[in-house]
Amino acid sequence: MRHLTSAAAAALAVTLASPPTRIQDPAGDPLTNAGIARAAARVDSVFVSRKAQQALIRGGDFGSYLIARLGVNPIPTDLTLRVAVKPQGIVLAGRLADVPERARDAMGTMFALLPLSTPIAGEIAVDRVAPDAVRFRLATARVNGIPVPETVLNAIMSGVAHQYAAPTPSGRDLMVRIPPEGNLQLLTGWVRLSRSATGQGDRP
């Protein structure tokens, strides 16, 4: 299912918009273009030039780096979602107004029917899927606190991926190469990169 019908989108939008959720400022760090450069330098220092054994990257900087890897570089000034890193995963959250208008248009009719103040959040799972690869996957998305159905999420994200020429057609997955001896660990507010002395990376 690539696109929702107008009737289905309207029905789902009503469901997602009601009952109203108390709006709070999202936790986490902002996405910034400066953060892309800071994170890339730390990744390089551990995994490429190997000048450092380990490095800590602030959650917002690491999220900015991932967004850039998805092809959104520079980061638009109207992309004001925030990034929160926890040991269980990465959360990208804010309000619908924090998503650029171009991306909202790519999301389809459903989002056009929602107030711009509607809270939205995406939960990103991080998995070591191969000795030399880490996968970042949009596992779930919530609108006004309500999980978006898988079929709907797939349709929305494939549309966004097409609009932004993302590296994967699903728009939900990003594969990042990592040395076999490299480690990536999620901490509260930070991402730690390191290289194992044994030559075998730990699973994040």
C-alpha atoms as a PDB file:
ATOM      1  CA  MET A   1       0.000   0.000   0.000  1.00  0.00           C
ATOM      2  CA  ARG A   2       1.788   3.109  -1.182  1.00  0.00           C
ATOM      3  CA  HIS A   3      -0.937   5.708  -0.695  1.00  0.00           C
ATOM      4  CA  LEU A   4      -3.923   5.950   1.591  1.00  0.00           C
ATOM      5  CA  THR A   5      -7.337   6.814   0.173  1.00  0.00           C
ATOM      6  CA  SER A   6      -8.746  10.166   1.254  1.00  0.00           C
ATOM      7  CA  ALA A   7     -11.528   8.509   3.258  1.00  0.00           C
ATOM      8  CA  ALA A   8      -9.148   6.166   5.068  1.00  0.00           C
ATOM      9  CA  ALA A   9      -6.717   8.988   5.733  1.00  0.00           C
ATOM     10  CA  ALA A  10      -9.487  11.178   7.157  1.00  0.00           C
ATOM     11  CA  ALA A  11     -10.712   8.393   9.431  1.00  0.00           C
ATOM     12  CA  LEU A  12      -7.223   7.662  10.691  1.00  0.00           C
ATOM     13  CA  ALA A  13      -6.477  11.349  11.199  1.00  0.00           C
ATOM     14  CA  VAL A  14      -9.563  11.693  13.400  1.00  0.00           C
ATOM     15  CA  THR A  15      -8.421   8.704  15.437  1.00  0.00           C
ATOM     16  CA  LEU A  16      -4.917  10.077  15.867  1.00  0.00           C
ATOM     17  CA  ALA A  17      -6.072  13.581  16.723  1.00  0.00           C
ATOM     18  CA  SER A  18      -8.517  12.515  19.451  1.00  0.00           C
ATOM     19  CA  PRO A  19      -8.502  12.298  22.404  1.00  0.00           C
ATOM     20  CA  PRO A  20      -6.120  15.238  22.755  1.00  0.00           C
ATOM     21  CA  THR A  21      -2.740  14.601  24.345  1.00  0.00           C
ATOM     22  CA  ARG A  22      -1.187  17.085  26.759  1.00  0.00           C
ATOM     23  CA  ILE A  23       1.613  18.763  24.799  1.00  0.00           C
ATOM     24  CA  GLN A  24       5.039  18.811  26.428  1.00  0.00           C
ATOM     25  CA  ASP A  25       8.363  20.031  25.186  1.00  0.00           C
ATOM     26  CA  PRO A  26      10.192  16.994  23.800  1.00  0.00           C
ATOM     27  CA  ALA A  27      13.349  15.888  25.580  1.00  0.00           C
ATOM     28  CA  GLY A  28      16.661  15.537  23.819  1.00  0.00           C
ATOM     29  CA  ASP A  29      19.029  17.536  21.660  1.00  0.00           C
ATOM     30  CA  PRO A  30      18.372  19.467  18.434  1.00  0.00           C
ATOM     31  CA  LEU A  31      19.487  18.390  14.976  1.00  0.00           C
ATOM     32  CA  THR A  32      22.196  20.727  13.653  1.00  0.00           C
ATOM     33  CA  ASN A  33      24.513  20.968  10.674  1.00  0.00           C
ATOM     34  CA  ALA A  34      27.416  21.626  13.030  1.00  0.00           C
ATOM     35  CA  GLY A  35      26.542  18.355  14.731  1.00  0.00           C
ATOM     36  CA  ILE A  36      27.069  16.462  11.468  1.00  0.00           C
ATOM     37  CA  ALA A  37      30.670  17.645  11.304  1.00  0.00           C
ATOM     38  CA  ARG A  38      31.341  16.987  14.997  1.00  0.00           C
ATOM     39  CA  ALA A  39      29.964  13.450  14.832  1.00  0.00           C
ATOM     40  CA  ALA A  40      31.732  12.646  11.546  1.00  0.00           C
ATOM     41  CA  ALA A  41      35.061  13.761  13.054  1.00  0.00           C
ATOM     42  CA  ARG A  42      34.605  11.462  16.049  1.00  0.00           C
ATOM     43  CA  VAL A  43      33.545   8.523  13.871  1.00  0.00           C
ATOM     44  CA  ASP A  44      36.631   9.081  11.731  1.00  0.00           C
ATOM     45  CA  SER A  45      38.934   9.323  14.744  1.00  0.00           C
ATOM     46  CA  VAL A  46      37.890   5.876  16.018  1.00  0.00           C
ATOM     47  CA  PHE A  47      37.032   3.854  12.907  1.00  0.00           C
ATOM     48  CA  VAL A  48      38.997   5.441  10.033  1.00  0.00           C
ATOM     49  CA  SER A  49      42.142   7.270  11.120  1.00  0.00           C
ATOM     50  CA  ARG A  50      42.161   5.243  14.379  1.00  0.00           C
ATOM     51  CA  LYS A  51      43.766   8.073  16.277  1.00  0.00           C
ATOM     52  CA  ALA A  52      41.411   7.455  19.206  1.00  0.00           C
ATOM     53  CA  GLN A  53      40.469   4.230  20.959  1.00  0.00           C
ATOM     54  CA  GLN A  54      37.012   5.562  21.789  1.00  0.00           C
ATOM     55  CA  ALA A  55      34.830   8.653  21.483  1.00  0.00           C
ATOM     56  CA  LEU A  56      31.582   9.975  22.924  1.00  0.00           C
ATOM     57  CA  ILE A  57      29.070  11.669  20.625  1.00  0.00           C
ATOM     58  CA  ARG A  58      26.173  13.731  21.937  1.00  0.00           C
ATOM     59  CA  GLY A  59      22.777  12.323  20.933  1.00  0.00           C
ATOM     60  CA  GLY A  60      21.799  15.325  18.827  1.00  0.00           C
ATOM     61  CA  ASP A  61      25.086  15.255  16.942  1.00  0.00           C
ATOM     62  CA  PHE A  62      24.779  11.534  16.250  1.00  0.00           C
ATOM     63  CA  GLY A  63      21.174  11.950  15.104  1.00  0.00           C
ATOM     64  CA  SER A  64      22.293  14.754  12.788  1.00  0.00           C
ATOM     65  CA  TYR A  65      24.992  12.463  11.377  1.00  0.00           C
ATOM     66  CA  LEU A  66      22.409   9.733  10.671  1.00  0.00           C
ATOM     67  CA  ILE A  67      20.031  12.214   9.031  1.00  0.00           C
ATOM     68  CA  ALA A  68      22.876  13.320   6.771  1.00  0.00           C
ATOM     69  CA  ARG A  69      23.632   9.684   5.907  1.00  0.00           C
ATOM     70  CA  LEU A  70      20.005   9.391   4.798  1.00  0.00           C
ATOM     71  CA  GLY A  71      20.678  12.112   2.255  1.00  0.00           C
ATOM     72  CA  VAL A  72      19.261  15.117   4.129  1.00  0.00           C
ATOM     73  CA  ASN A  73      22.328  17.354   4.096  1.00  0.00           C
ATOM     74  CA  PRO A  74      22.353  20.163   4.939  1.00  0.00           C
ATOM     75  CA  ILE A  75      19.657  19.766   7.573  1.00  0.00           C
ATOM     76  CA  PRO A  76      16.782  22.167   6.777  1.00  0.00           C
ATOM     77  CA  THR A  77      16.306  24.983   9.251  1.00  0.00           C
ATOM     78  CA  ASP A  78      12.664  23.957   9.661  1.00  0.00           C
ATOM     79  CA  LEU A  79      13.566  20.392  10.718  1.00  0.00           C
ATOM     80  CA  THR A  80      13.417  20.988  14.463  1.00  0.00           C
ATOM     81  CA  LEU A  81      12.729  17.531  15.877  1.00  0.00           C
ATOM     82  CA  ARG A  82      14.840  16.544  18.879  1.00  0.00           C
ATOM     83  CA  VAL A  83      16.925  13.432  19.481  1.00  0.00           C
ATOM     84  CA  ALA A  84      16.952  11.494  22.755  1.00  0.00           C
ATOM     85  CA  VAL A  85      19.379   8.588  23.136  1.00  0.00           C
ATOM     86  CA  LYS A  86      18.643   5.850  25.661  1.00  0.00           C
ATOM     87  CA  PRO A  87      20.266   2.434  26.186  1.00  0.00           C
ATOM     88  CA  GLN A  88      17.158   0.862  24.620  1.00  0.00           C
ATOM     89  CA  GLY A  89      17.234   2.938  21.422  1.00  0.00           C
ATOM     90  CA  ILE A  90      17.011   6.381  19.859  1.00  0.00           C
ATOM     91  CA  VAL A  91      13.874   8.537  19.888  1.00  0.00           C
ATOM     92  CA  LEU A  92      13.226  11.352  17.409  1.00  0.00           C
ATOM     93  CA  ALA A  93      10.367  13.494  18.708  1.00  0.00           C
ATOM     94  CA  GLY A  94       8.605  16.813  18.482  1.00  0.00           C
ATOM     95  CA  ARG A  95       5.469  18.186  16.869  1.00  0.00           C
ATOM     96  CA  LEU A  96       4.199  17.940  13.330  1.00  0.00           C
ATOM     97  CA  ALA A  97       5.259  21.568  12.873  1.00  0.00           C
ATOM     98  CA  ASP A  98       8.865  20.463  13.515  1.00  0.00           C
ATOM     99  CA  VAL A  99       8.854  18.483  10.231  1.00  0.00           C
ATOM    100  CA  PRO A 100       9.626  20.443   7.038  1.00  0.00           C
ATOM    101  CA  GLU A 101       6.605  21.204   4.860  1.00  0.00           C
ATOM    102  CA  ARG A 102       8.136  19.232   1.984  1.00  0.00           C
ATOM    103  CA  ALA A 103       8.343  16.120   4.168  1.00  0.00           C
ATOM    104  CA  ARG A 104       4.810  16.641   5.502  1.00  0.00           C
ATOM    105  CA  ASP A 105       3.544  16.781   1.931  1.00  0.00           C
ATOM    106  CA  ALA A 106       5.330  13.496   1.195  1.00  0.00           C
ATOM    107  CA  MET A 107       3.623  11.899   4.214  1.00  0.00           C
ATOM    108  CA  GLY A 108       0.267  12.191   2.501  1.00  0.00           C
ATOM    109  CA  THR A 109      -3.282  13.324   3.187  1.00  0.00           C
ATOM    110  CA  MET A 110      -3.485  11.980   6.717  1.00  0.00           C
ATOM    111  CA  PHE A 111      -0.926  14.420   8.087  1.00  0.00           C
ATOM    112  CA  ALA A 112      -2.445  17.348   6.210  1.00  0.00           C
ATOM    113  CA  LEU A 113      -5.589  16.842   8.314  1.00  0.00           C
ATOM    114  CA  LEU A 114      -3.800  16.980  11.661  1.00  0.00           C
ATOM    115  CA  PRO A 115      -3.035  20.136  13.675  1.00  0.00           C
ATOM    116  CA  LEU A 116       0.590  21.230  13.439  1.00  0.00           C
ATOM    117  CA  SER A 117       0.745  21.029  17.241  1.00  0.00           C
ATOM    118  CA  THR A 118       0.188  17.242  17.139  1.00  0.00           C
ATOM    119  CA  PRO A 119       2.982  15.390  19.002  1.00  0.00           C
ATOM    120  CA  ILE A 120       4.919  12.887  16.906  1.00  0.00           C
ATOM    121  CA  ALA A 121       7.732  10.467  17.760  1.00  0.00           C
ATOM    122  CA  GLY A 122       9.779   7.794  16.054  1.00  0.00           C
ATOM    123  CA  GLU A 123      11.540   5.019  17.951  1.00  0.00           C
ATOM    124  CA  ILE A 124      14.721   3.825  16.248  1.00  0.00           C
ATOM    125  CA  ALA A 125      16.111   0.376  17.009  1.00  0.00           C
ATOM    126  CA  VAL A 126      19.860  -0.191  16.699  1.00  0.00           C
ATOM    127  CA  ASP A 127      21.134  -3.678  15.850  1.00  0.00           C
ATOM    128  CA  ARG A 128      24.467  -5.194  14.872  1.00  0.00           C
ATOM    129  CA  VAL A 129      23.241  -7.208  11.883  1.00  0.00           C
ATOM    130  CA  ALA A 130      26.657  -8.257  10.540  1.00  0.00           C
ATOM    131  CA  PRO A 131      30.267  -8.158  11.739  1.00  0.00           C
ATOM    132  CA  ASP A 132      30.763  -4.993   9.704  1.00  0.00           C
ATOM    133  CA  ALA A 133      27.292  -3.402   9.761  1.00  0.00           C
ATOM    134  CA  VAL A 134      24.915  -1.708  12.192  1.00  0.00           C
ATOM    135  CA  ARG A 135      21.284  -1.192  11.211  1.00  0.00           C
ATOM    136  CA  PHE A 136      19.250   1.779  12.384  1.00  0.00           C
ATOM    137  CA  ARG A 137      15.567   0.998  11.838  1.00  0.00           C
ATOM    138  CA  LEU A 138      12.459   3.084  12.459  1.00  0.00           C
ATOM    139  CA  ALA A 139      10.763   0.426  14.564  1.00  0.00           C
ATOM    140  CA  THR A 140       7.637   2.332  15.549  1.00  0.00           C
ATOM    141  CA  ALA A 141       6.102   5.763  15.045  1.00  0.00           C
ATOM    142  CA  ARG A 142       3.558   7.449  17.285  1.00  0.00           C
ATOM    143  CA  VAL A 143       1.205  10.299  16.490  1.00  0.00           C
ATOM    144  CA  ASN A 144      -0.441  11.922  19.513  1.00  0.00           C
ATOM    145  CA  GLY A 145       0.858   8.946  21.500  1.00  0.00           C
ATOM    146  CA  ILE A 146      -0.932   6.396  19.284  1.00  0.00           C
ATOM    147  CA  PRO A 147       1.186   3.854  17.325  1.00  0.00           C
ATOM    148  CA  VAL A 148       0.881   4.198  13.553  1.00  0.00           C
ATOM    149  CA  PRO A 149      -0.166   0.858  11.965  1.00  0.00           C
ATOM    150  CA  GLU A 150       2.637  -0.959  10.154  1.00  0.00           C
ATOM    151  CA  THR A 151       0.964  -0.833   6.729  1.00  0.00           C
ATOM    152  CA  VAL A 152       0.374   2.896   7.085  1.00  0.00           C
ATOM    153  CA  LEU A 153       3.902   3.540   8.342  1.00  0.00           C
ATOM    154  CA  ASN A 154       5.376   1.594   5.421  1.00  0.00           C
ATOM    155  CA  ALA A 155       3.351   3.656   2.945  1.00  0.00           C
ATOM    156  CA  ILE A 156       4.295   6.959   4.579  1.00  0.00           C
ATOM    157  CA  MET A 157       8.000   6.225   4.820  1.00  0.00           C
ATOM    158  CA  SER A 158       8.302   4.870   1.285  1.00  0.00           C
ATOM    159  CA  GLY A 159       6.785   8.137   0.063  1.00  0.00           C
ATOM    160  CA  VAL A 160       9.265  10.172   2.107  1.00  0.00           C
ATOM    161  CA  ALA A 161      12.150   7.992   0.855  1.00  0.00           C
ATOM    162  CA  HIS A 162      11.120   8.630  -2.744  1.00  0.00           C
ATOM    163  CA  GLN A 163      10.822  12.368  -2.125  1.00  0.00           C
ATOM    164  CA  TYR A 164      14.295  12.617  -0.562  1.00  0.00           C
ATOM    165  CA  ALA A 165      16.018   9.919  -2.673  1.00  0.00           C
ATOM    166  CA  ALA A 166      16.869   7.964   0.479  1.00  0.00           C
ATOM    167  CA  PRO A 167      19.415   5.117   0.207  1.00  0.00           C
ATOM    168  CA  THR A 168      16.754   2.471   0.934  1.00  0.00           C
ATOM    169  CA  PRO A 169      13.301   2.421  -0.708  1.00  0.00           C
ATOM    170  CA  SER A 170      11.567   1.586   2.580  1.00  0.00           C
ATOM    171  CA  GLY A 171      12.735   4.817   4.205  1.00  0.00           C
ATOM    172  CA  ARG A 172      12.853   2.933   7.503  1.00  0.00           C
ATOM    173  CA  ASP A 173      16.346   1.411   7.435  1.00  0.00           C
ATOM    174  CA  LEU A 174      19.846   2.810   7.375  1.00  0.00           C
ATOM    175  CA  MET A 175      22.842   0.477   7.224  1.00  0.00           C
ATOM    176  CA  VAL A 176      26.121   1.896   8.521  1.00  0.00           C
ATOM    177  CA  ARG A 177      29.433   0.111   8.041  1.00  0.00           C
ATOM    178  CA  ILE A 178      31.542  -0.446  11.124  1.00  0.00           C
ATOM    179  CA  PRO A 179      34.854  -2.291  11.524  1.00  0.00           C
ATOM    180  CA  PRO A 180      34.448  -5.847  12.872  1.00  0.00           C
ATOM    181  CA  GLU A 181      36.416  -4.774  15.958  1.00  0.00           C
ATOM    182  CA  GLY A 182      34.272  -1.660  16.346  1.00  0.00           C
ATOM    183  CA  ASN A 183      31.656  -1.181  19.032  1.00  0.00           C
ATOM    184  CA  LEU A 184      28.694   1.171  19.201  1.00  0.00           C
ATOM    185  CA  GLN A 185      26.974   1.583  22.553  1.00  0.00           C
ATOM    186  CA  LEU A 186      23.933   3.679  23.393  1.00  0.00           C
ATOM    187  CA  LEU A 187      24.090   5.552  26.687  1.00  0.00           C
ATOM    188  CA  THR A 188      21.693   8.056  28.213  1.00  0.00           C
ATOM    189  CA  GLY A 189      22.161  11.142  26.054  1.00  0.00           C
ATOM    190  CA  TRP A 190      25.274   9.844  24.326  1.00  0.00           C
ATOM    191  CA  VAL A 191      26.611   7.320  21.816  1.00  0.00           C
ATOM    192  CA  ARG A 192      29.961   5.711  22.593  1.00  0.00           C
ATOM    193  CA  LEU A 193      32.188   4.408  19.801  1.00  0.00           C
ATOM    194  CA  SER A 194      35.160   2.198  20.579  1.00  0.00           C
ATOM    195  CA  ARG A 195      37.458  -0.452  19.168  1.00  0.00           C
ATOM    196  CA  SER A 196      37.905  -3.775  20.891  1.00  0.00           C
ATOM    197  CA  ALA A 197      41.454  -4.864  21.615  1.00  0.00           C
ATOM    198  CA  THR A 198      40.426  -8.454  20.842  1.00  0.00           C
ATOM    199  CA  GLY A 199      39.397  -7.510  17.305  1.00  0.00           C
ATOM    200  CA  GLN A 200      35.787  -8.603  17.828  1.00  0.00           C
ATOM    201  CA  GLY A 201      33.096  -5.970  18.184  1.00  0.00           C
ATOM    202  CA  ASP A 202      30.385  -6.280  20.812  1.00  0.00           C
ATOM    203  CA  ARG A 203      26.757  -6.094  19.838  1.00  0.00           C
ATOM    204  CA  PRO A 204      25.224  -2.693  20.660  1.00  0.00           C
END
